[in-house]
């Protein structure tokens, strides 16, 4: 089992963008995806050499990743049709 902060947004930004002491990091865009109402943010790292940006997606309630979550598959709802 991973530590609860292993996939926090902060840890993912540090892993993928590797901001230095002299760079600034900021969230430039945030919102919800059209399908499933998932959340995402665009984080940008500004440095003297240029800028880098990535989108991060929220998985579940607490884990962030650069990969979007898999869409939920359709589920059978047989109990609705039972007589």
PDB file of N, CA and C in Angstrom:
ATOM      1  N   UNK A   1       0.837  -1.182   0.000  1.00  0.00           N
ATOM      2  CA  UNK A   1       0.000   0.000   0.000  1.00  0.00           C
ATOM      3  C   UNK A   1       0.881   1.245   0.000  1.00  0.00           C
ATOM      4  N   UNK A   2       0.551   2.211  -0.830  1.00  0.00           N
ATOM      5  CA  UNK A   2       1.329   3.444  -0.916  1.00  0.00           C
ATOM      6  C   UNK A   2       0.921   4.406   0.190  1.00  0.00           C
ATOM      7  N   UNK A   3       1.847   5.281   0.523  1.00  0.00           N
ATOM      8  CA  UNK A   3       1.527   6.323   1.496  1.00  0.00           C
ATOM      9  C   UNK A   3       0.465   7.236   0.899  1.00  0.00           C
ATOM     10  N   UNK A   4      -0.321   7.854   1.758  1.00  0.00           N
ATOM     11  CA  UNK A   4      -1.425   8.673   1.268  1.00  0.00           C
ATOM     12  C   UNK A   4      -0.954   9.870   0.464  1.00  0.00           C
ATOM     13  N   UNK A   5       0.248  10.392   0.738  1.00  0.00           N
ATOM     14  CA  UNK A   5       0.728  11.540  -0.018  1.00  0.00           C
ATOM     15  C   UNK A   5       1.563  11.131  -1.225  1.00  0.00           C
ATOM     16  N   UNK A   6       1.665   9.847  -1.522  1.00  0.00           N
ATOM     17  CA  UNK A   6       2.503   9.376  -2.627  1.00  0.00           C
ATOM     18  C   UNK A   6       2.002   9.881  -3.973  1.00  0.00           C
ATOM     19  N   UNK A   7       0.710  10.123  -4.098  1.00  0.00           N
ATOM     20  CA  UNK A   7       0.180  10.607  -5.357  1.00  0.00           C
ATOM     21  C   UNK A   7      -0.585  11.907  -5.163  1.00  0.00           C
ATOM     22  N   UNK A   8      -0.146  12.705  -4.222  1.00  0.00           N
ATOM     23  CA  UNK A   8      -0.754  14.021  -4.057  1.00  0.00           C
ATOM     24  C   UNK A   8      -0.360  14.877  -5.248  1.00  0.00           C
ATOM     25  N   UNK A   9      -1.089  15.935  -5.468  1.00  0.00           N
ATOM     26  CA  UNK A   9      -0.783  16.820  -6.581  1.00  0.00           C
ATOM     27  C   UNK A   9       0.629  17.382  -6.429  1.00  0.00           C
ATOM     28  N   UNK A  10       0.991  17.762  -5.237  1.00  0.00           N
ATOM     29  CA  UNK A  10       2.332  18.301  -4.996  1.00  0.00           C
ATOM     30  C   UNK A  10       3.412  17.293  -5.359  1.00  0.00           C
ATOM     31  N   UNK A  11       3.251  16.039  -4.947  1.00  0.00           N
ATOM     32  CA  UNK A  11       4.276  15.035  -5.253  1.00  0.00           C
ATOM     33  C   UNK A  11       4.348  14.745  -6.750  1.00  0.00           C
ATOM     34  N   UNK A  12       3.216  14.767  -7.433  1.00  0.00           N
ATOM     35  CA  UNK A  12       3.217  14.529  -8.876  1.00  0.00           C
ATOM     36  C   UNK A  12       3.865  15.695  -9.628  1.00  0.00           C
ATOM     37  N   UNK A  13       3.624  16.923  -9.184  1.00  0.00           N
ATOM     38  CA  UNK A  13       4.262  18.087  -9.800  1.00  0.00           C
ATOM     39  C   UNK A  13       5.773  18.005  -9.601  1.00  0.00           C
ATOM     40  N   UNK A  14       6.213  17.660  -8.407  1.00  0.00           N
ATOM     41  CA  UNK A  14       7.649  17.530  -8.149  1.00  0.00           C
ATOM     42  C   UNK A  14       8.268  16.415  -8.975  1.00  0.00           C
ATOM     43  N   UNK A  15       7.534  15.326  -9.160  1.00  0.00           N
ATOM     44  CA  UNK A  15       8.043  14.191  -9.936  1.00  0.00           C
ATOM     45  C   UNK A  15       8.170  14.531 -11.416  1.00  0.00           C
ATOM     46  N   UNK A  16       7.128  15.114 -12.008  1.00  0.00           N
ATOM     47  CA  UNK A  16       7.091  15.314 -13.448  1.00  0.00           C
ATOM     48  C   UNK A  16       7.705  16.631 -13.910  1.00  0.00           C
ATOM     49  N   UNK A  17       7.561  17.688 -13.154  1.00  0.00           N
ATOM     50  CA  UNK A  17       8.086  18.987 -13.575  1.00  0.00           C
ATOM     51  C   UNK A  17       9.407  19.341 -12.906  1.00  0.00           C
ATOM     52  N   UNK A  18       9.740  18.676 -11.820  1.00  0.00           N
ATOM     53  CA  UNK A  18      10.997  18.878 -11.090  1.00  0.00           C
ATOM     54  C   UNK A  18      11.335  20.357 -10.936  1.00  0.00           C
ATOM     55  N   UNK A  19      10.456  21.110 -10.276  1.00  0.00           N
ATOM     56  CA  UNK A  19      10.742  22.538 -10.123  1.00  0.00           C
ATOM     57  C   UNK A  19      11.975  22.763  -9.244  1.00  0.00           C
ATOM     58  N   UNK A  20      12.771  23.737  -9.617  1.00  0.00           N
ATOM     59  CA  UNK A  20      13.949  24.071  -8.824  1.00  0.00           C
ATOM     60  C   UNK A  20      13.600  25.191  -7.853  1.00  0.00           C
ATOM     61  N   UNK A  21      14.563  25.525  -7.047  1.00  0.00           N
ATOM     62  CA  UNK A  21      14.368  26.580  -6.056  1.00  0.00           C
ATOM     63  C   UNK A  21      14.089  27.921  -6.734  1.00  0.00           C
ATOM     64  N   UNK A  22      14.654  28.128  -7.928  1.00  0.00           N
ATOM     65  CA  UNK A  22      14.522  29.404  -8.620  1.00  0.00           C
ATOM     66  C   UNK A  22      13.315  29.474  -9.554  1.00  0.00           C
ATOM     67  N   UNK A  23      12.654  28.352  -9.771  1.00  0.00           N
ATOM     68  CA  UNK A  23      11.499  28.353 -10.676  1.00  0.00           C
ATOM     69  C   UNK A  23      10.219  28.628  -9.902  1.00  0.00           C
ATOM     70  N   UNK A  24       9.207  29.060 -10.621  1.00  0.00           N
ATOM     71  CA  UNK A  24       7.899  29.247 -10.000  1.00  0.00           C
ATOM     72  C   UNK A  24       6.920  28.264 -10.636  1.00  0.00           C
ATOM     73  N   UNK A  25       6.038  27.751  -9.832  1.00  0.00           N
ATOM     74  CA  UNK A  25       5.047  26.777 -10.284  1.00  0.00           C
ATOM     75  C   UNK A  25       3.678  27.339  -9.967  1.00  0.00           C
ATOM     76  N   UNK A  26       2.771  27.219 -10.951  1.00  0.00           N
ATOM     77  CA  UNK A  26       1.417  27.723 -10.700  1.00  0.00           C
ATOM     78  C   UNK A  26       0.400  26.900 -11.481  1.00  0.00           C
ATOM     79  N   UNK A  27      -0.807  26.881 -10.965  1.00  0.00           N
ATOM     80  CA  UNK A  27      -1.928  26.253 -11.659  1.00  0.00           C
ATOM     81  C   UNK A  27      -2.473  27.288 -12.622  1.00  0.00           C
ATOM     82  N   UNK A  28      -2.513  26.945 -13.918  1.00  0.00           N
ATOM     83  CA  UNK A  28      -2.969  27.905 -14.924  1.00  0.00           C
ATOM     84  C   UNK A  28      -4.389  27.625 -15.400  1.00  0.00           C
ATOM     85  N   UNK A  29      -4.834  26.382 -15.300  1.00  0.00           N
ATOM     86  CA  UNK A  29      -6.182  25.998 -15.719  1.00  0.00           C
ATOM     87  C   UNK A  29      -6.677  24.913 -14.774  1.00  0.00           C
ATOM     88  N   UNK A  30      -7.947  24.957 -14.426  1.00  0.00           N
ATOM     89  CA  UNK A  30      -8.551  23.860 -13.683  1.00  0.00           C
ATOM     90  C   UNK A  30      -9.994  23.730 -14.130  1.00  0.00           C
ATOM     91  N   UNK A  31     -10.532  22.533 -13.994  1.00  0.00           N
ATOM     92  CA  UNK A  31     -11.913  22.317 -14.408  1.00  0.00           C
ATOM     93  C   UNK A  31     -12.318  20.867 -14.289  1.00  0.00           C
ATOM     94  N   UNK A  32     -13.395  20.543 -14.981  1.00  0.00           N
ATOM     95  CA  UNK A  32     -13.944  19.187 -14.970  1.00  0.00           C
ATOM     96  C   UNK A  32     -14.007  18.659 -16.395  1.00  0.00           C
ATOM     97  N   UNK A  33     -13.770  17.363 -16.524  1.00  0.00           N
ATOM     98  CA  UNK A  33     -13.863  16.739 -17.837  1.00  0.00           C
ATOM     99  C   UNK A  33     -15.328  16.565 -18.205  1.00  0.00           C
ATOM    100  N   UNK A  34     -15.597  16.438 -19.494  1.00  0.00           N
ATOM    101  CA  UNK A  34     -16.974  16.284 -19.948  1.00  0.00           C
ATOM    102  C   UNK A  34     -17.578  14.954 -19.540  1.00  0.00           C
ATOM    103  N   UNK A  35     -16.787  13.896 -19.603  1.00  0.00           N
ATOM    104  CA  UNK A  35     -17.317  12.572 -19.270  1.00  0.00           C
ATOM    105  C   UNK A  35     -16.957  12.211 -17.836  1.00  0.00           C
ATOM    106  N   UNK A  36     -17.923  11.857 -17.074  1.00  0.00           N
ATOM    107  CA  UNK A  36     -17.674  11.432 -15.705  1.00  0.00           C
ATOM    108  C   UNK A  36     -17.447  12.549 -14.716  1.00  0.00           C
ATOM    109  N   UNK A  37     -17.410  13.782 -15.201  1.00  0.00           N
ATOM    110  CA  UNK A  37     -17.259  14.928 -14.315  1.00  0.00           C
ATOM    111  C   UNK A  37     -15.974  14.873 -13.490  1.00  0.00           C
ATOM    112  N   UNK A  38     -14.895  14.293 -14.056  1.00  0.00           N
ATOM    113  CA  UNK A  38     -13.615  14.225 -13.362  1.00  0.00           C
ATOM    114  C   UNK A  38     -12.945  15.585 -13.309  1.00  0.00           C
ATOM    115  N   UNK A  39     -11.986  15.729 -12.435  1.00  0.00           N
ATOM    116  CA  UNK A  39     -11.295  17.008 -12.272  1.00  0.00           C
ATOM    117  C   UNK A  39      -9.911  16.949 -12.897  1.00  0.00           C
ATOM    118  N   UNK A  40      -9.453  18.106 -13.354  1.00  0.00           N
ATOM    119  CA  UNK A  40      -8.103  18.209 -13.895  1.00  0.00           C
ATOM    120  C   UNK A  40      -7.541  19.588 -13.592  1.00  0.00           C
ATOM    121  N   UNK A  41      -6.211  19.685 -13.623  1.00  0.00           N
ATOM    122  CA  UNK A  41      -5.524  20.971 -13.495  1.00  0.00           C
ATOM    123  C   UNK A  41      -4.368  20.995 -14.490  1.00  0.00           C
ATOM    124  N   UNK A  42      -4.026  22.178 -14.948  1.00  0.00           N
ATOM    125  CA  UNK A  42      -2.824  22.371 -15.771  1.00  0.00           C
ATOM    126  C   UNK A  42      -1.849  23.144 -14.910  1.00  0.00           C
ATOM    127  N   UNK A  43      -0.670  22.559 -14.707  1.00  0.00           N
ATOM    128  CA  UNK A  43       0.349  23.171 -13.863  1.00  0.00           C
ATOM    129  C   UNK A  43       1.519  23.565 -14.753  1.00  0.00           C
ATOM    130  N   UNK A  44       2.001  24.793 -14.562  1.00  0.00           N
ATOM    131  CA  UNK A  44       3.091  25.319 -15.371  1.00  0.00           C
ATOM    132  C   UNK A  44       4.274  25.660 -14.480  1.00  0.00           C
ATOM    133  N   UNK A  45       5.448  25.278 -14.921  1.00  0.00           N
ATOM    134  CA  UNK A  45       6.689  25.603 -14.233  1.00  0.00           C
ATOM    135  C   UNK A  45       7.450  26.608 -15.080  1.00  0.00           C
ATOM    136  N   UNK A  46       7.691  27.793 -14.535  1.00  0.00           N
ATOM    137  CA  UNK A  46       8.395  28.863 -15.249  1.00  0.00           C
ATOM    138  C   UNK A  46       9.831  28.942 -14.758  1.00  0.00           C
ATOM    139  N   UNK A  47      10.766  28.867 -15.703  1.00  0.00           N
ATOM    140  CA  UNK A  47      12.187  28.964 -15.385  1.00  0.00           C
ATOM    141  C   UNK A  47      12.836  29.935 -16.365  1.00  0.00           C
ATOM    142  N   UNK A  48      14.066  30.303 -16.111  1.00  0.00           N
ATOM    143  CA  UNK A  48      14.789  31.210 -17.012  1.00  0.00           C
ATOM    144  C   UNK A  48      14.965  30.577 -18.389  1.00  0.00           C
ATOM    145  N   UNK A  49      15.118  29.265 -18.446  1.00  0.00           N
ATOM    146  CA  UNK A  49      15.329  28.564 -19.714  1.00  0.00           C
ATOM    147  C   UNK A  49      14.034  28.370 -20.503  1.00  0.00           C
ATOM    148  N   UNK A  50      12.899  28.586 -19.891  1.00  0.00           N
ATOM    149  CA  UNK A  50      11.619  28.400 -20.566  1.00  0.00           C
ATOM    150  C   UNK A  50      10.563  27.889 -19.606  1.00  0.00           C
ATOM    151  N   UNK A  51       9.465  27.433 -20.158  1.00  0.00           N
ATOM    152  CA  UNK A  51       8.386  26.928 -19.307  1.00  0.00           C
ATOM    153  C   UNK A  51       8.001  25.517 -19.732  1.00  0.00           C
ATOM    154  N   UNK A  52       7.458  24.781 -18.780  1.00  0.00           N
ATOM    155  CA  UNK A  52       6.947  23.436 -19.010  1.00  0.00           C
ATOM    156  C   UNK A  52       5.580  23.359 -18.358  1.00  0.00           C
ATOM    157  N   UNK A  53       4.665  22.633 -18.985  1.00  0.00           N
ATOM    158  CA  UNK A  53       3.327  22.502 -18.417  1.00  0.00           C
ATOM    159  C   UNK A  53       2.807  21.092 -18.642  1.00  0.00           C
ATOM    160  N   UNK A  54       2.034  20.618 -17.693  1.00  0.00           N
ATOM    161  CA  UNK A  54       1.400  19.301 -17.785  1.00  0.00           C
ATOM    162  C   UNK A  54      -0.005  19.382 -17.218  1.00  0.00           C
ATOM    163  N   UNK A  55      -0.869  18.503 -17.719  1.00  0.00           N
ATOM    164  CA  UNK A  55      -2.193  18.333 -17.138  1.00  0.00           C
ATOM    165  C   UNK A  55      -2.131  17.190 -16.138  1.00  0.00           C
ATOM    166  N   UNK A  56      -2.793  17.354 -15.001  1.00  0.00           N
ATOM    167  CA  UNK A  56      -2.900  16.311 -13.988  1.00  0.00           C
ATOM    168  C   UNK A  56      -4.381  16.018 -13.779  1.00  0.00           C
ATOM    169  N   UNK A  57      -4.706  14.739 -13.621  1.00  0.00           N
ATOM    170  CA  UNK A  57      -6.090  14.298 -13.479  1.00  0.00           C
ATOM    171  C   UNK A  57      -6.290  13.657 -12.117  1.00  0.00           C
ATOM    172  N   UNK A  58      -7.414  13.957 -11.503  1.00  0.00           N
ATOM    173  CA  UNK A  58      -7.748  13.391 -10.205  1.00  0.00           C
ATOM    174  C   UNK A  58      -8.373  12.018 -10.389  1.00  0.00           C
ATOM    175  N   UNK A  59      -7.830  11.041  -9.690  1.00  0.00           N
ATOM    176  CA  UNK A  59      -8.363   9.671  -9.695  1.00  0.00           C
ATOM    177  C   UNK A  59      -9.010   9.423  -8.338  1.00  0.00           C
ATOM    178  N   UNK A  60     -10.267   9.076  -8.348  1.00  0.00           N
ATOM    179  CA  UNK A  60     -10.956   8.863  -7.077  1.00  0.00           C
ATOM    180  C   UNK A  60     -11.102  10.162  -6.326  1.00  0.00           C
ATOM    181  N   UNK A  61     -10.737  10.132  -5.060  1.00  0.00           N
ATOM    182  CA  UNK A  61     -10.888  11.330  -4.243  1.00  0.00           C
ATOM    183  C   UNK A  61      -9.569  11.956  -3.826  1.00  0.00           C
ATOM    184  N   UNK A  62      -8.442  11.244  -4.053  1.00  0.00           N
ATOM    185  CA  UNK A  62      -7.201  11.801  -3.510  1.00  0.00           C
ATOM    186  C   UNK A  62      -5.951  11.554  -4.342  1.00  0.00           C
ATOM    187  N   UNK A  63      -5.993  10.806  -5.406  1.00  0.00           N
ATOM    188  CA  UNK A  63      -4.788  10.467  -6.160  1.00  0.00           C
ATOM    189  C   UNK A  63      -4.753  11.207  -7.487  1.00  0.00           C
ATOM    190  N   UNK A  64      -3.637  11.859  -7.770  1.00  0.00           N
ATOM    191  CA  UNK A  64      -3.456  12.615  -9.006  1.00  0.00           C
ATOM    192  C   UNK A  64      -2.492  11.878  -9.916  1.00  0.00           C
ATOM    193  N   UNK A  65      -2.670  12.030 -11.229  1.00  0.00           N
ATOM    194  CA  UNK A  65      -1.820  11.373 -12.209  1.00  0.00           C
ATOM    195  C   UNK A  65      -1.798  12.191 -13.495  1.00  0.00           C
ATOM    196  N   UNK A  66      -0.753  11.991 -14.309  1.00  0.00           N
ATOM    197  CA  UNK A  66      -0.706  12.657 -15.610  1.00  0.00           C
ATOM    198  C   UNK A  66      -1.567  11.915 -16.626  1.00  0.00           C
ATOM    199  N   UNK A  67      -2.020  10.737 -16.277  1.00  0.00           N
ATOM    200  CA  UNK A  67      -2.887   9.958 -17.150  1.00  0.00           C
ATOM    201  C   UNK A  67      -4.334  10.102 -16.695  1.00  0.00           C
ATOM    202  N   UNK A  68      -5.265  10.328 -17.616  1.00  0.00           N
ATOM    203  CA  UNK A  68      -6.671  10.447 -17.206  1.00  0.00           C
ATOM    204  C   UNK A  68      -7.199   9.108 -16.709  1.00  0.00           C
ATOM    205  N   UNK A  69      -8.172   9.137 -15.805  1.00  0.00           N
ATOM    206  CA  UNK A  69      -8.741   7.881 -15.312  1.00  0.00           C
ATOM    207  C   UNK A  69      -9.484   7.153 -16.429  1.00  0.00           C
ATOM    208  N   UNK A  70      -9.524   5.848 -16.310  1.00  0.00           N
ATOM    209  CA  UNK A  70     -10.276   5.056 -17.279  1.00  0.00           C
ATOM    210  C   UNK A  70     -11.758   5.347 -17.112  1.00  0.00           C
ATOM    211  N   UNK A  71     -12.480   5.445 -18.219  1.00  0.00           N
ATOM    212  CA  UNK A  71     -13.927   5.687 -18.098  1.00  0.00           C
ATOM    213  C   UNK A  71     -14.608   4.482 -17.467  1.00  0.00           C
ATOM    214  N   UNK A  72     -15.654   4.764 -16.728  1.00  0.00           N
ATOM    215  CA  UNK A  72     -16.399   3.666 -16.120  1.00  0.00           C
ATOM    216  C   UNK A  72     -17.086   2.867 -17.206  1.00  0.00           C
ATOM    217  N   UNK A  73     -17.042   1.555 -17.053  1.00  0.00           N
ATOM    218  CA  UNK A  73     -17.712   0.707 -18.035  1.00  0.00           C
ATOM    219  C   UNK A  73     -19.195   0.620 -17.694  1.00  0.00           C
ATOM    220  N   UNK A  74     -20.016   0.380 -18.693  1.00  0.00           N
ATOM    221  CA  UNK A  74     -21.456   0.255 -18.424  1.00  0.00           C
ATOM    222  C   UNK A  74     -21.726  -0.902 -17.464  1.00  0.00           C
ATOM    223  N   UNK A  75     -22.704  -0.720 -16.627  1.00  0.00           N
ATOM    224  CA  UNK A  75     -23.056  -1.746 -15.643  1.00  0.00           C
ATOM    225  C   UNK A  75     -24.473  -2.228 -15.895  1.00  0.00           C
ATOM    226  N   UNK A  76     -24.673  -3.478 -15.622  1.00  0.00           N
ATOM    227  CA  UNK A  76     -26.017  -4.039 -15.769  1.00  0.00           C
ATOM    228  C   UNK A  76     -26.880  -3.532 -14.614  1.00  0.00           C
ATOM    229  N   UNK A  77     -28.106  -3.237 -14.921  1.00  0.00           N
ATOM    230  CA  UNK A  77     -29.030  -2.767 -13.907  1.00  0.00           C
ATOM    231  C   UNK A  77     -30.267  -3.642 -13.936  1.00  0.00           C
ATOM    232  N   UNK A  78     -30.066  -4.932 -13.757  1.00  0.00           N
ATOM    233  CA  UNK A  78     -31.166  -5.898 -13.857  1.00  0.00           C
ATOM    234  C   UNK A  78     -32.237  -5.664 -12.801  1.00  0.00           C
ATOM    235  N   UNK A  79     -31.841  -5.146 -11.643  1.00  0.00           N
ATOM    236  CA  UNK A  79     -32.845  -4.951 -10.577  1.00  0.00           C
ATOM    237  C   UNK A  79     -33.909  -3.938 -10.987  1.00  0.00           C
ATOM    238  N   UNK A  80     -33.595  -3.026 -11.882  1.00  0.00           N
ATOM    239  CA  UNK A  80     -34.590  -2.054 -12.348  1.00  0.00           C
ATOM    240  C   UNK A  80     -35.675  -2.718 -13.183  1.00  0.00           C
ATOM    241  N   UNK A  81     -35.327  -3.807 -13.867  1.00  0.00           N
ATOM    242  CA  UNK A  81     -36.267  -4.441 -14.785  1.00  0.00           C
ATOM    243  C   UNK A  81     -36.964  -5.655 -14.175  1.00  0.00           C
ATOM    244  N   UNK A  82     -36.596  -6.035 -12.970  1.00  0.00           N
ATOM    245  CA  UNK A  82     -37.219  -7.201 -12.320  1.00  0.00           C
ATOM    246  C   UNK A  82     -38.667  -6.861 -11.943  1.00  0.00           C
ATOM    247  N   UNK A  83     -39.548  -7.826 -12.092  1.00  0.00           N
ATOM    248  CA  UNK A  83     -40.961  -7.586 -11.755  1.00  0.00           C
ATOM    249  C   UNK A  83     -41.347  -8.252 -10.473  1.00  0.00           C
TER     250      UNK A  83
END
